[in-house]
Amino acid sequence: MAEPVLITVKRYQCPHCSRTHSKKAAATAHIARCWRNPAAKGCKTCRHFAPPEEGPYPEHPGWPEQCDEERSLTGGLHTGCPLWAALTQTA
């Protein structure tokens, strides 16, 4: 029976999330629009982003993620938002 052959694969990972790509250009393009990249001014790095919350009891559906500035997130999260505000660091 033949033995498996070990190969090494080069991948490029976003420094802001765990997403990887086989091509450097694809990784670079992802970084520019990554929701966790503060330079992309995305929802997940914004002061106005409210993450989803569970309901108070099983019958209650909870609350979806939302923007406190009332920008609709039903079509997905955004980058390059004109309402974006940096998260404040508290020590």
Protein backbone atom coordinates (compact mmCIF):
# COMPACT_ATOMS: atom_id res chain seq x y z
CA MET A 1 0.00 0.00 0.00
CA ALA A 2 1.31 3.47 -0.88
CA GLU A 3 1.98 6.03 1.84
CA PRO A 4 0.59 9.57 1.69
CA VAL A 5 2.98 12.30 0.56
CA LEU A 6 3.46 15.37 2.76
CA ILE A 7 3.25 18.69 0.92
CA THR A 8 3.65 22.24 2.17
CA VAL A 9 1.12 24.85 1.11
CA LYS A 10 1.60 28.63 1.33
CA ARG A 11 -1.46 30.58 2.54
CA TYR A 12 -1.94 34.29 3.25
CA GLN A 13 -3.94 35.22 6.37
CA CYS A 14 -5.72 38.47 7.17
CA PRO A 15 -4.10 40.11 10.23
CA HIS A 16 -7.55 41.17 11.50
CA CYS A 17 -9.45 37.87 11.27
CA SER A 18 -8.72 34.20 10.63
CA ARG A 19 -9.58 34.21 6.90
CA THR A 20 -6.88 32.76 4.63
CA HIS A 21 -6.30 32.88 0.86
CA SER A 22 -4.10 30.97 -1.54
CA LYS A 23 -3.21 34.13 -3.48
CA LYS A 24 -1.59 37.24 -2.00
CA ALA A 25 -3.70 39.56 -4.19
CA ALA A 26 -6.92 37.98 -2.87
CA ALA A 27 -5.72 38.39 0.73
CA THR A 28 -4.81 42.03 0.09
CA ALA A 29 -8.25 42.69 -1.42
CA HIS A 30 -9.93 41.03 1.57
CA ILE A 31 -7.94 43.13 4.09
CA ALA A 32 -9.21 46.32 2.42
CA ARG A 33 -12.82 45.28 3.10
CA CYS A 34 -12.41 43.15 6.26
CA TRP A 35 -15.14 43.95 8.80
CA ARG A 36 -12.58 43.73 11.62
CA ASN A 37 -10.07 46.11 10.00
CA PRO A 38 -10.42 49.58 11.62
CA ALA A 39 -8.93 51.24 8.51
CA ALA A 40 -11.83 49.84 6.42
CA LYS A 41 -14.32 51.66 8.71
CA GLY A 42 -16.49 48.56 9.02
CA CYS A 43 -19.39 47.83 11.32
CA LYS A 44 -17.53 45.50 13.70
CA THR A 45 -14.97 48.22 14.57
CA CYS A 46 -17.53 51.01 14.96
CA ARG A 47 -18.78 52.55 18.19
CA HIS A 48 -22.36 52.43 16.83
CA PHE A 49 -22.37 48.64 16.19
CA ALA A 50 -24.60 46.64 18.56
CA PRO A 51 -23.91 42.89 18.37
CA PRO A 52 -26.80 40.40 18.35
CA GLU A 53 -28.33 39.52 21.72
CA GLU A 54 -30.23 36.48 22.86
CA GLY A 55 -33.79 36.89 24.09
CA PRO A 56 -34.64 36.83 27.79
CA TYR A 57 -36.37 33.45 27.46
CA PRO A 58 -36.49 30.64 24.83
CA GLU A 59 -39.70 31.84 23.15
CA HIS A 60 -38.26 35.32 22.52
CA PRO A 61 -36.19 35.49 19.29
CA GLY A 62 -33.71 38.04 20.67
CA TRP A 63 -32.32 41.06 18.88
CA PRO A 64 -30.27 41.02 15.65
CA GLU A 65 -27.06 43.00 15.21
CA GLN A 66 -27.84 46.63 14.53
CA CYS A 67 -26.43 50.10 14.04
CA ASP A 68 -27.21 52.61 16.80
CA GLU A 69 -27.20 55.31 14.11
CA GLU A 70 -30.15 53.47 12.50
CA ARG A 71 -28.28 52.36 9.36
CA SER A 72 -29.90 49.19 8.06
CA LEU A 73 -27.83 46.02 8.44
CA THR A 74 -30.44 43.71 6.90
CA GLY A 75 -28.37 43.47 3.70
CA GLY A 76 -25.18 42.71 5.65
CA LEU A 77 -22.44 44.62 7.38
CA HIS A 78 -20.80 47.62 5.70
CA THR A 79 -17.31 49.03 5.20
CA GLY A 80 -16.45 52.61 4.28
CA CYS A 81 -19.39 53.91 6.31
CA PRO A 82 -19.72 57.71 6.51
CA LEU A 83 -21.23 57.31 10.02
CA TRP A 84 -18.29 55.22 11.30
CA ALA A 85 -16.78 56.27 14.64
CA ALA A 86 -13.79 54.61 16.29
CA LEU A 87 -14.29 52.46 19.35
CA THR A 88 -13.04 54.27 22.43
CA GLN A 89 -10.41 52.49 24.49
CA THR A 90 -11.19 52.32 28.18
CA ALA A 91 -8.38 51.54 30.61
